[in-house]
Amino acid sequence: MKAFVTGATGFIGSHLVDALVARGDAVRVIDDLFSG
């Protein structure tokens, strides 16, 4: 499956990306790297 994750460098996003990659999904990510 393909996935597009926004906020990928945050706590939840980074764990989500790890899980998706571990199960073999193709993942694209985007984040503005802004700390709020």
PDB file of N, CA and C in Angstrom:
ATOM      1  N   MET A   1       0.840  -1.173   0.000  1.00  0.00           N
ATOM      2  CA  MET A   1       0.000   0.000   0.000  1.00  0.00           C
ATOM      3  C   MET A   1       0.889   1.242   0.000  1.00  0.00           C
ATOM      4  N   LYS A   2       0.376   2.333  -0.535  1.00  0.00           N
ATOM      5  CA  LYS A   2       1.082   3.610  -0.517  1.00  0.00           C
ATOM      6  C   LYS A   2       0.491   4.489   0.574  1.00  0.00           C
ATOM      7  N   ALA A   3       1.365   5.244   1.258  1.00  0.00           N
ATOM      8  CA  ALA A   3       0.899   6.143   2.314  1.00  0.00           C
ATOM      9  C   ALA A   3       1.625   7.472   2.201  1.00  0.00           C
ATOM     10  N   PHE A   4       0.916   8.546   2.524  1.00  0.00           N
ATOM     11  CA  PHE A   4       1.479   9.892   2.568  1.00  0.00           C
ATOM     12  C   PHE A   4       1.230  10.418   3.971  1.00  0.00           C
ATOM     13  N   VAL A   5       2.302  10.744   4.695  1.00  0.00           N
ATOM     14  CA  VAL A   5       2.182  11.149   6.094  1.00  0.00           C
ATOM     15  C   VAL A   5       2.619  12.599   6.243  1.00  0.00           C
ATOM     16  N   THR A   6       1.731  13.436   6.784  1.00  0.00           N
ATOM     17  CA  THR A   6       2.097  14.812   7.108  1.00  0.00           C
ATOM     18  C   THR A   6       2.461  14.866   8.585  1.00  0.00           C
ATOM     19  N   GLY A   7       3.387  15.738   8.930  1.00  0.00           N
ATOM     20  CA  GLY A   7       3.836  15.802  10.321  1.00  0.00           C
ATOM     21  C   GLY A   7       4.700  14.609  10.674  1.00  0.00           C
ATOM     22  N   ALA A   8       5.488  14.150   9.726  1.00  0.00           N
ATOM     23  CA  ALA A   8       6.210  12.891   9.870  1.00  0.00           C
ATOM     24  C   ALA A   8       7.376  12.930  10.845  1.00  0.00           C
ATOM     25  N   THR A   9       7.842  14.103  11.239  1.00  0.00           N
ATOM     26  CA  THR A   9       8.967  14.142  12.175  1.00  0.00           C
ATOM     27  C   THR A   9       8.518  14.322  13.615  1.00  0.00           C
ATOM     28  N   GLY A  10       7.221  14.439  13.833  1.00  0.00           N
ATOM     29  CA  GLY A  10       6.697  14.537  15.195  1.00  0.00           C
ATOM     30  C   GLY A  10       6.646  13.168  15.861  1.00  0.00           C
ATOM     31  N   PHE A  11       6.204  13.145  17.100  1.00  0.00           N
ATOM     32  CA  PHE A  11       6.179  11.903  17.878  1.00  0.00           C
ATOM     33  C   PHE A  11       5.284  10.845  17.229  1.00  0.00           C
ATOM     34  N   ILE A  12       4.047  11.205  16.967  1.00  0.00           N
ATOM     35  CA  ILE A  12       3.113  10.232  16.393  1.00  0.00           C
ATOM     36  C   ILE A  12       3.482   9.906  14.950  1.00  0.00           C
ATOM     37  N   GLY A  13       3.793  10.938  14.171  1.00  0.00           N
ATOM     38  CA  GLY A  13       4.134  10.723  12.771  1.00  0.00           C
ATOM     39  C   GLY A  13       5.336   9.828  12.579  1.00  0.00           C
ATOM     40  N   SER A  14       6.369  10.024  13.388  1.00  0.00           N
ATOM     41  CA  SER A  14       7.576   9.205  13.239  1.00  0.00           C
ATOM     42  C   SER A  14       7.301   7.746  13.582  1.00  0.00           C
ATOM     43  N   HIS A  15       6.487   7.502  14.599  1.00  0.00           N
ATOM     44  CA  HIS A  15       6.139   6.124  14.946  1.00  0.00           C
ATOM     45  C   HIS A  15       5.240   5.493  13.880  1.00  0.00           C
ATOM     46  N   LEU A  16       4.346   6.292  13.324  1.00  0.00           N
ATOM     47  CA  LEU A  16       3.491   5.799  12.252  1.00  0.00           C
ATOM     48  C   LEU A  16       4.322   5.413  11.035  1.00  0.00           C
ATOM     49  N   VAL A  17       5.264   6.266  10.650  1.00  0.00           N
ATOM     50  CA  VAL A  17       6.124   5.973   9.506  1.00  0.00           C
ATOM     51  C   VAL A  17       6.923   4.694   9.756  1.00  0.00           C
ATOM     52  N   ASP A  18       7.488   4.542  10.948  1.00  0.00           N
ATOM     53  CA  ASP A  18       8.228   3.322  11.284  1.00  0.00           C
ATOM     54  C   ASP A  18       7.356   2.082  11.108  1.00  0.00           C
ATOM     55  N   ALA A  19       6.122   2.149  11.591  1.00  0.00           N
ATOM     56  CA  ALA A  19       5.215   1.002  11.504  1.00  0.00           C
ATOM     57  C   ALA A  19       4.842   0.693  10.054  1.00  0.00           C
ATOM     58  N   LEU A  20       4.582   1.721   9.272  1.00  0.00           N
ATOM     59  CA  LEU A  20       4.223   1.512   7.871  1.00  0.00           C
ATOM     60  C   LEU A  20       5.373   0.907   7.082  1.00  0.00           C
ATOM     61  N   VAL A  21       6.574   1.411   7.306  1.00  0.00           N
ATOM     62  CA  VAL A  21       7.750   0.884   6.609  1.00  0.00           C
ATOM     63  C   VAL A  21       8.010  -0.561   7.027  1.00  0.00           C
ATOM     64  N   ALA A  22       7.836  -0.861   8.312  1.00  0.00           N
ATOM     65  CA  ALA A  22       8.070  -2.216   8.816  1.00  0.00           C
ATOM     66  C   ALA A  22       7.137  -3.233   8.166  1.00  0.00           C
ATOM     67  N   ARG A  23       5.937  -2.808   7.809  1.00  0.00           N
ATOM     68  CA  ARG A  23       5.019  -3.760   7.176  1.00  0.00           C
ATOM     69  C   ARG A  23       5.122  -3.749   5.648  1.00  0.00           C
ATOM     70  N   GLY A  24       6.074  -2.973   5.123  1.00  0.00           N
ATOM     71  CA  GLY A  24       6.372  -3.017   3.701  1.00  0.00           C
ATOM     72  C   GLY A  24       5.654  -1.999   2.843  1.00  0.00           C
ATOM     73  N   ASP A  25       5.021  -1.019   3.454  1.00  0.00           N
ATOM     74  CA  ASP A  25       4.316   0.001   2.683  1.00  0.00           C
ATOM     75  C   ASP A  25       5.295   1.009   2.087  1.00  0.00           C
ATOM     76  N   ALA A  26       4.902   1.592   0.959  1.00  0.00           N
ATOM     77  CA  ALA A  26       5.666   2.681   0.351  1.00  0.00           C
ATOM     78  C   ALA A  26       5.195   3.974   1.005  1.00  0.00           C
ATOM     79  N   VAL A  27       6.110   4.706   1.632  1.00  0.00           N
ATOM     80  CA  VAL A  27       5.729   5.871   2.424  1.00  0.00           C
ATOM     81  C   VAL A  27       6.407   7.129   1.896  1.00  0.00           C
ATOM     82  N   ARG A  28       5.613   8.176   1.734  1.00  0.00           N
ATOM     83  CA  ARG A  28       6.138   9.517   1.444  1.00  0.00           C
ATOM     84  C   ARG A  28       5.779  10.389   2.627  1.00  0.00           C
ATOM     85  N   VAL A  29       6.702  11.269   2.985  1.00  0.00           N
ATOM     86  CA  VAL A  29       6.478  12.100   4.168  1.00  0.00           C
ATOM     87  C   VAL A  29       6.705  13.574   3.849  1.00  0.00           C
ATOM     88  N   ILE A  30       6.064  14.420   4.656  1.00  0.00           N
ATOM     89  CA  ILE A  30       6.284  15.859   4.568  1.00  0.00           C
ATOM     90  C   ILE A  30       6.151  16.439   5.970  1.00  0.00           C
ATOM     91  N   ASP A  31       6.972  17.426   6.247  1.00  0.00           N
ATOM     92  CA  ASP A  31       6.904  18.118   7.527  1.00  0.00           C
ATOM     93  C   ASP A  31       7.601  19.454   7.355  1.00  0.00           C
ATOM     94  N   ASP A  32       7.093  20.483   8.016  1.00  0.00           N
ATOM     95  CA  ASP A  32       7.726  21.795   7.908  1.00  0.00           C
ATOM     96  C   ASP A  32       8.815  22.003   8.960  1.00  0.00           C
ATOM     97  N   LEU A  33       9.022  21.010   9.835  1.00  0.00           N
ATOM     98  CA  LEU A  33      10.065  21.030  10.865  1.00  0.00           C
ATOM     99  C   LEU A  33       9.917  22.220  11.812  1.00  0.00           C
ATOM    100  N   PHE A  34       8.695  22.692  12.001  1.00  0.00           N
ATOM    101  CA  PHE A  34       8.416  23.808  12.890  1.00  0.00           C
ATOM    102  C   PHE A  34       8.055  23.276  14.264  1.00  0.00           C
ATOM    103  N   SER A  35       8.713  23.783  15.276  1.00  0.00           N
ATOM    104  CA  SER A  35       8.424  23.363  16.645  1.00  0.00           C
ATOM    105  C   SER A  35       7.533  24.411  17.292  1.00  0.00           C
ATOM    106  N   GLY A  36       6.372  23.986  17.781  1.00  0.00           N
ATOM    107  CA  GLY A  36       5.389  24.928  18.243  1.00  0.00           C
ATOM    108  C   GLY A  36       5.410  25.215  19.672  1.00  0.00           C
TER     109      GLY A  36
END
